[in-house]
Amino acid sequence: GRLLAARLASEIERLISAFCSERLAGGWQPPLRILEMKLEAGYMERGKRVTWVDTAKGWGMLAIILSHVMTGHPVSRWLYTFHVPLFFFLSGFLFRADRPWVDFWKGKVQKLLLPYFALALPIIPAEAALAGSSADFWERVGEMSLGVLVQRRLWPIWFLACLFLLEILAYWLLRLVKKPVSLALTAAAMGAA
């Protein structure tokens, strides 16, 4: 546990250092303006890393870890207000629907669904074994497997399936709804539902 905490602290320190050095080099610009300038100059290509986004992800990971370690503490409740929404925001901020449907679909299946189901394989039997007597083991495995398929949010990586569905929806919304005002109204209506 201490080794993991030390590695985590070292990685966070590296992220902060990288973020600060980027801010100080050549005068500070707000992160959104930096991204805007990179887009204008054509520097942000698919697959390129954006330092401030990586830094935000690092802070988000730390917030998730701390909120789970400090369950019940007021700080934990505060961290829960933004830690997962931060990842959804960053995913939406960097979202692109400029690839053909088949390529987009394959990429999302590979990056989101395969890890989701691969992690389900060891988690389901482990949780079923810890949940009670051995007589009910296979019944619990069946229930948990169904929960993974229909997204009952029974386990730790629910956000991968949720992000997958949201990105599929966003792809088609961006392809079908062309006017920004119509797109905003459609998204708002869906969010309110």
Protein backbone atom coordinates (compact mmCIF):
# COMPACT_ATOMS: atom_id res chain seq x y z
CA GLY A 1 0.00 0.00 0.00
CA ARG A 2 2.77 2.45 0.90
CA LEU A 3 4.67 1.70 -2.31
CA LEU A 4 1.54 2.39 -4.36
CA ALA A 5 0.93 5.64 -2.45
CA ALA A 6 4.54 6.72 -3.01
CA ARG A 7 4.31 5.97 -6.74
CA LEU A 8 1.00 7.83 -6.96
CA ALA A 9 2.47 10.84 -5.15
CA SER A 10 5.50 10.79 -7.45
CA GLU A 11 3.30 10.67 -10.57
CA ILE A 12 1.12 13.53 -9.33
CA GLU A 13 4.24 15.58 -8.60
CA ARG A 14 5.48 14.89 -12.15
CA LEU A 15 2.11 15.95 -13.62
CA ILE A 16 2.07 19.17 -11.62
CA SER A 17 5.67 19.91 -12.61
CA ALA A 18 4.90 19.32 -16.31
CA PHE A 19 1.78 21.49 -16.08
CA CYS A 20 3.65 24.33 -14.37
CA SER A 21 6.59 24.25 -16.78
CA GLU A 22 4.19 24.45 -19.75
CA ARG A 23 2.45 27.42 -18.11
CA LEU A 24 5.70 29.27 -17.49
CA ALA A 25 7.28 28.64 -20.90
CA GLY A 26 6.56 31.55 -23.23
CA GLY A 27 4.04 33.27 -20.97
CA TRP A 28 0.96 31.77 -19.40
CA GLN A 29 -2.22 31.22 -21.41
CA PRO A 30 -5.42 29.71 -20.02
CA PRO A 31 -5.65 25.98 -20.92
CA LEU A 32 -8.66 26.45 -23.22
CA ARG A 33 -6.81 29.20 -25.11
CA ILE A 34 -3.77 26.91 -25.47
CA LEU A 35 -5.96 24.19 -26.94
CA GLU A 36 -7.66 26.72 -29.20
CA MET A 37 -4.26 27.94 -30.46
CA LYS A 38 -3.11 24.36 -31.08
CA LEU A 39 -6.26 23.63 -33.05
CA GLU A 40 -5.86 26.83 -35.10
CA ALA A 41 -2.24 25.99 -35.85
CA GLY A 42 -3.07 22.38 -36.69
CA TYR A 43 -0.90 21.01 -33.89
CA MET A 44 -3.53 18.86 -32.26
CA GLU A 45 -3.80 15.80 -34.39
CA ARG A 46 -5.49 12.53 -33.51
CA GLY A 47 -3.37 10.64 -31.01
CA LYS A 48 -1.37 13.66 -29.80
CA ARG A 49 -1.31 14.31 -26.06
CA VAL A 50 -2.52 17.58 -24.53
CA THR A 51 -0.61 18.21 -21.31
CA TRP A 52 -3.31 20.10 -19.41
CA VAL A 53 -5.88 17.37 -20.23
CA ASP A 54 -3.49 14.69 -18.99
CA THR A 55 -2.91 16.76 -15.86
CA ALA A 56 -6.66 17.10 -15.28
CA LYS A 57 -7.01 13.32 -15.69
CA GLY A 58 -4.27 12.81 -13.10
CA TRP A 59 -6.07 15.05 -10.62
CA GLY A 60 -9.34 13.27 -11.42
CA MET A 61 -7.75 9.88 -10.70
CA LEU A 62 -6.41 11.16 -7.41
CA ALA A 63 -9.86 12.51 -6.52
CA ILE A 64 -11.47 9.13 -7.28
CA ILE A 65 -8.92 7.25 -5.18
CA LEU A 66 -9.22 9.67 -2.25
CA SER A 67 -13.02 9.71 -2.35
CA HIS A 68 -13.12 5.92 -2.14
CA VAL A 69 -10.45 5.72 0.59
CA MET A 70 -12.12 8.46 2.67
CA THR A 71 -15.71 7.20 2.39
CA GLY A 72 -18.01 9.06 4.76
CA HIS A 73 -15.66 12.01 5.27
CA PRO A 74 -16.93 15.46 4.17
CA VAL A 75 -13.97 15.74 1.76
CA SER A 76 -15.10 12.52 0.12
CA ARG A 77 -18.60 13.91 -0.43
CA TRP A 78 -17.07 17.04 -1.99
CA LEU A 79 -14.80 14.97 -4.28
CA TYR A 80 -17.82 12.95 -5.45
CA THR A 81 -19.34 16.14 -6.83
CA PHE A 82 -16.80 16.37 -9.63
CA HIS A 83 -14.41 13.42 -9.96
CA VAL A 84 -16.32 11.27 -12.48
CA PRO A 85 -18.06 14.23 -14.19
CA LEU A 86 -14.56 15.59 -14.87
CA PHE A 87 -13.75 12.51 -16.98
CA PHE A 88 -17.04 12.79 -18.88
CA PHE A 89 -16.35 16.49 -19.51
CA LEU A 90 -12.84 15.80 -20.81
CA SER A 91 -14.09 12.98 -23.02
CA GLY A 92 -16.76 15.25 -24.46
CA PHE A 93 -14.33 18.12 -24.85
CA LEU A 94 -11.97 15.99 -26.92
CA PHE A 95 -14.73 14.09 -28.73
CA ARG A 96 -14.54 13.96 -32.52
CA ALA A 97 -17.10 12.49 -34.90
CA ASP A 98 -15.08 12.91 -38.08
CA ARG A 99 -14.38 9.24 -38.78
CA PRO A 100 -16.61 6.85 -40.73
CA TRP A 101 -19.12 4.97 -38.56
CA VAL A 102 -17.40 1.56 -38.80
CA ASP A 103 -14.01 3.00 -37.77
CA PHE A 104 -15.61 4.98 -34.95
CA TRP A 105 -17.52 1.90 -33.71
CA LYS A 106 -14.45 -0.34 -33.81
CA GLY A 107 -12.38 2.22 -31.91
CA LYS A 108 -14.97 2.63 -29.16
CA VAL A 109 -15.47 -1.13 -28.81
CA GLN A 110 -11.70 -1.62 -28.53
CA LYS A 111 -11.08 1.23 -26.07
CA LEU A 112 -14.22 1.03 -23.91
CA LEU A 113 -16.18 -2.22 -24.25
CA LEU A 114 -13.31 -4.70 -24.36
CA PRO A 115 -11.79 -3.37 -21.10
CA TYR A 116 -15.27 -3.30 -19.56
CA PHE A 117 -15.94 -6.98 -20.26
CA ALA A 118 -12.34 -8.08 -19.68
CA LEU A 119 -12.48 -6.61 -16.17
CA ALA A 120 -15.87 -8.22 -15.58
CA LEU A 121 -14.37 -11.71 -15.94
CA PRO A 122 -12.35 -11.63 -12.70
CA ILE A 123 -14.59 -9.19 -10.79
CA ILE A 124 -17.87 -11.10 -11.06
CA PRO A 125 -16.69 -14.42 -9.55
CA ALA A 126 -14.66 -12.59 -6.88
CA GLU A 127 -17.65 -10.49 -5.79
CA ALA A 128 -19.94 -13.53 -5.95
CA ALA A 129 -17.56 -15.53 -3.75
CA LEU A 130 -17.33 -12.72 -1.19
CA ALA A 131 -21.10 -12.17 -1.10
CA GLY A 132 -22.16 -15.28 0.83
CA SER A 133 -22.39 -19.05 1.01
CA SER A 134 -21.08 -21.27 -1.75
CA ALA A 135 -24.57 -22.69 -2.40
CA ASP A 136 -25.69 -19.42 -3.96
CA PHE A 137 -22.45 -18.77 -5.88
CA TRP A 138 -23.65 -19.55 -9.43
CA GLU A 139 -26.93 -17.72 -8.87
CA ARG A 140 -25.00 -14.60 -7.82
CA VAL A 141 -22.62 -14.98 -10.80
CA GLY A 142 -25.67 -15.09 -13.10
CA GLU A 143 -27.27 -12.03 -11.48
CA MET A 144 -24.03 -10.05 -11.60
CA SER A 145 -23.40 -11.04 -15.22
CA LEU A 146 -26.87 -9.81 -16.14
CA GLY A 147 -26.16 -6.60 -14.20
CA VAL A 148 -23.01 -6.05 -16.27
CA LEU A 149 -24.95 -6.55 -19.51
CA VAL A 150 -27.90 -4.29 -18.65
CA GLN A 151 -25.80 -1.78 -16.70
CA ARG A 152 -27.29 -2.02 -13.24
CA ARG A 153 -24.16 -0.28 -11.99
CA LEU A 154 -23.27 -3.19 -9.79
CA TRP A 155 -19.53 -2.76 -9.97
CA PRO A 156 -16.58 -0.39 -10.17
CA ILE A 157 -16.18 0.40 -13.87
CA TRP A 158 -19.76 1.29 -14.77
CA PHE A 159 -18.52 4.51 -16.36
CA LEU A 160 -16.92 2.66 -19.30
CA ALA A 161 -20.28 1.30 -20.48
CA CYS A 162 -21.93 4.65 -19.82
CA LEU A 163 -19.25 6.56 -21.74
CA PHE A 164 -19.54 4.08 -24.62
CA LEU A 165 -23.30 4.69 -24.92
CA LEU A 166 -22.92 8.46 -24.60
CA GLU A 167 -20.24 8.61 -27.28
CA ILE A 168 -22.35 6.52 -29.68
CA LEU A 169 -25.26 8.87 -29.04
CA ALA A 170 -23.05 11.95 -29.50
CA TYR A 171 -21.67 10.59 -32.77
CA TRP A 172 -25.14 10.27 -34.27
CA LEU A 173 -26.38 13.56 -32.81
CA LEU A 174 -23.46 15.41 -34.38
CA ARG A 175 -24.01 13.63 -37.68
CA LEU A 176 -27.79 14.13 -37.83
CA VAL A 177 -28.34 17.51 -36.19
CA LYS A 178 -26.40 20.10 -38.17
CA LYS A 179 -27.43 23.44 -36.61
CA PRO A 180 -25.69 24.35 -33.32
CA VAL A 181 -28.89 25.71 -31.74
CA SER A 182 -30.84 22.58 -32.65
CA LEU A 183 -28.01 20.42 -31.34
CA ALA A 184 -27.90 22.31 -28.04
CA LEU A 185 -31.69 22.09 -27.62
CA THR A 186 -31.69 18.37 -28.44
CA ALA A 187 -28.87 17.68 -25.97
CA ALA A 188 -30.60 19.79 -23.27
CA ALA A 189 -33.90 17.96 -23.81
CA MET A 190 -32.16 14.61 -23.56
CA GLY A 191 -30.31 15.68 -20.42
CA ALA A 192 -33.54 16.84 -18.81
CA ALA A 193 -35.32 13.56 -19.55
